[in-house]
């Protein structure tokens, strides 16, 4: 992958680390100033790498940094 995609993945991970309560794709998109579809693409990559955990709560899907999720004991 190119440098931009690596930087975007790092920004997603850093942002999730600062928000252990979990974030939606929309929240991430706003916080890292990237398009929602782009954020979705990289969150799915990070989830496949087992760095991000996804939890559906009703109509909302929250994303957590895996280490935060495990620390919370979920």
C-alpha atoms as a PDB file:
ATOM      1  CA  UNK A   1       0.000   0.000   0.000  1.00  0.00           C
ATOM      2  CA  UNK A   2       1.118   3.547  -0.548  1.00  0.00           C
ATOM      3  CA  UNK A   3       2.179   6.053   2.090  1.00  0.00           C
ATOM      4  CA  UNK A   4      -1.200   7.821   2.127  1.00  0.00           C
ATOM      5  CA  UNK A   5      -3.094   4.640   2.964  1.00  0.00           C
ATOM      6  CA  UNK A   6      -0.629   3.764   5.726  1.00  0.00           C
ATOM      7  CA  UNK A   7      -0.978   7.280   7.146  1.00  0.00           C
ATOM      8  CA  UNK A   8      -4.780   7.025   7.040  1.00  0.00           C
ATOM      9  CA  UNK A   9      -4.736   3.664   8.845  1.00  0.00           C
ATOM     10  CA  UNK A  10      -2.443   5.154  11.494  1.00  0.00           C
ATOM     11  CA  UNK A  11      -4.794   8.129  11.951  1.00  0.00           C
ATOM     12  CA  UNK A  12      -7.762   5.767  12.366  1.00  0.00           C
ATOM     13  CA  UNK A  13      -5.906   3.701  14.972  1.00  0.00           C
ATOM     14  CA  UNK A  14      -4.704   6.804  16.836  1.00  0.00           C
ATOM     15  CA  UNK A  15      -8.225   8.247  16.889  1.00  0.00           C
ATOM     16  CA  UNK A  16      -9.763   5.003  18.146  1.00  0.00           C
ATOM     17  CA  UNK A  17      -7.089   4.827  20.853  1.00  0.00           C
ATOM     18  CA  UNK A  18      -8.198   8.266  22.106  1.00  0.00           C
ATOM     19  CA  UNK A  19     -11.860   7.148  22.183  1.00  0.00           C
ATOM     20  CA  UNK A  20     -12.164   3.875  24.127  1.00  0.00           C
ATOM     21  CA  UNK A  21     -15.953   4.348  24.202  1.00  0.00           C
ATOM     22  CA  UNK A  22     -16.006   3.480  20.480  1.00  0.00           C
ATOM     23  CA  UNK A  23     -16.775   5.526  17.393  1.00  0.00           C
ATOM     24  CA  UNK A  24     -19.045   5.199  14.397  1.00  0.00           C
ATOM     25  CA  UNK A  25     -17.687   5.459  10.857  1.00  0.00           C
ATOM     26  CA  UNK A  26     -19.283   8.913  10.665  1.00  0.00           C
ATOM     27  CA  UNK A  27     -17.516   9.992  13.875  1.00  0.00           C
ATOM     28  CA  UNK A  28     -14.189   8.723  12.541  1.00  0.00           C
ATOM     29  CA  UNK A  29     -14.779  10.425   9.219  1.00  0.00           C
ATOM     30  CA  UNK A  30     -15.338  13.794  10.871  1.00  0.00           C
ATOM     31  CA  UNK A  31     -12.444  13.449  13.315  1.00  0.00           C
ATOM     32  CA  UNK A  32      -9.823  12.443  10.753  1.00  0.00           C
ATOM     33  CA  UNK A  33     -11.287  14.583   7.968  1.00  0.00           C
ATOM     34  CA  UNK A  34     -11.630  11.792   5.419  1.00  0.00           C
ATOM     35  CA  UNK A  35     -14.565  10.605   3.315  1.00  0.00           C
ATOM     36  CA  UNK A  36     -16.859   8.110   5.026  1.00  0.00           C
ATOM     37  CA  UNK A  37     -16.389   5.466   2.312  1.00  0.00           C
ATOM     38  CA  UNK A  38     -12.613   5.768   2.550  1.00  0.00           C
ATOM     39  CA  UNK A  39     -12.751   5.369   6.328  1.00  0.00           C
ATOM     40  CA  UNK A  40     -15.011   2.320   5.928  1.00  0.00           C
ATOM     41  CA  UNK A  41     -12.514   0.726   3.530  1.00  0.00           C
ATOM     42  CA  UNK A  42      -9.607   1.087   5.926  1.00  0.00           C
ATOM     43  CA  UNK A  43     -11.565   0.148   9.045  1.00  0.00           C
ATOM     44  CA  UNK A  44     -12.470  -3.128   7.315  1.00  0.00           C
ATOM     45  CA  UNK A  45      -8.784  -3.709   6.507  1.00  0.00           C
ATOM     46  CA  UNK A  46      -7.843  -3.022  10.136  1.00  0.00           C
ATOM     47  CA  UNK A  47     -10.606  -5.315  11.322  1.00  0.00           C
ATOM     48  CA  UNK A  48      -9.283  -8.110   9.091  1.00  0.00           C
ATOM     49  CA  UNK A  49      -5.850  -7.539  10.671  1.00  0.00           C
ATOM     50  CA  UNK A  50      -7.565  -7.919  14.076  1.00  0.00           C
ATOM     51  CA  UNK A  51      -6.583  -4.402  15.174  1.00  0.00           C
ATOM     52  CA  UNK A  52     -10.139  -3.060  15.258  1.00  0.00           C
ATOM     53  CA  UNK A  53     -13.262  -4.599  16.763  1.00  0.00           C
ATOM     54  CA  UNK A  54     -16.789  -3.793  15.572  1.00  0.00           C
ATOM     55  CA  UNK A  55     -19.901  -4.000  17.758  1.00  0.00           C
ATOM     56  CA  UNK A  56     -23.440  -3.427  16.591  1.00  0.00           C
ATOM     57  CA  UNK A  57     -25.780  -1.778  19.102  1.00  0.00           C
ATOM     58  CA  UNK A  58     -29.261  -1.407  17.656  1.00  0.00           C
ATOM     59  CA  UNK A  59     -28.978   0.722  14.538  1.00  0.00           C
ATOM     60  CA  UNK A  60     -25.454   1.907  15.408  1.00  0.00           C
ATOM     61  CA  UNK A  61     -22.146   0.158  14.783  1.00  0.00           C
ATOM     62  CA  UNK A  62     -19.305   1.192  17.054  1.00  0.00           C
ATOM     63  CA  UNK A  63     -15.652   0.564  16.289  1.00  0.00           C
ATOM     64  CA  UNK A  64     -13.021   0.065  18.963  1.00  0.00           C
ATOM     65  CA  UNK A  65      -9.301  -0.370  19.002  1.00  0.00           C
ATOM     66  CA  UNK A  66      -8.957  -4.061  19.838  1.00  0.00           C
ATOM     67  CA  UNK A  67      -6.670  -3.399  22.824  1.00  0.00           C
ATOM     68  CA  UNK A  68      -9.222  -0.938  24.268  1.00  0.00           C
ATOM     69  CA  UNK A  69     -12.003  -3.462  23.780  1.00  0.00           C
ATOM     70  CA  UNK A  70     -10.038  -6.180  25.568  1.00  0.00           C
ATOM     71  CA  UNK A  71      -9.085  -3.770  28.372  1.00  0.00           C
ATOM     72  CA  UNK A  72     -12.767  -2.991  28.926  1.00  0.00           C
ATOM     73  CA  UNK A  73     -13.342  -6.710  29.400  1.00  0.00           C
ATOM     74  CA  UNK A  74     -16.095  -6.924  26.814  1.00  0.00           C
END
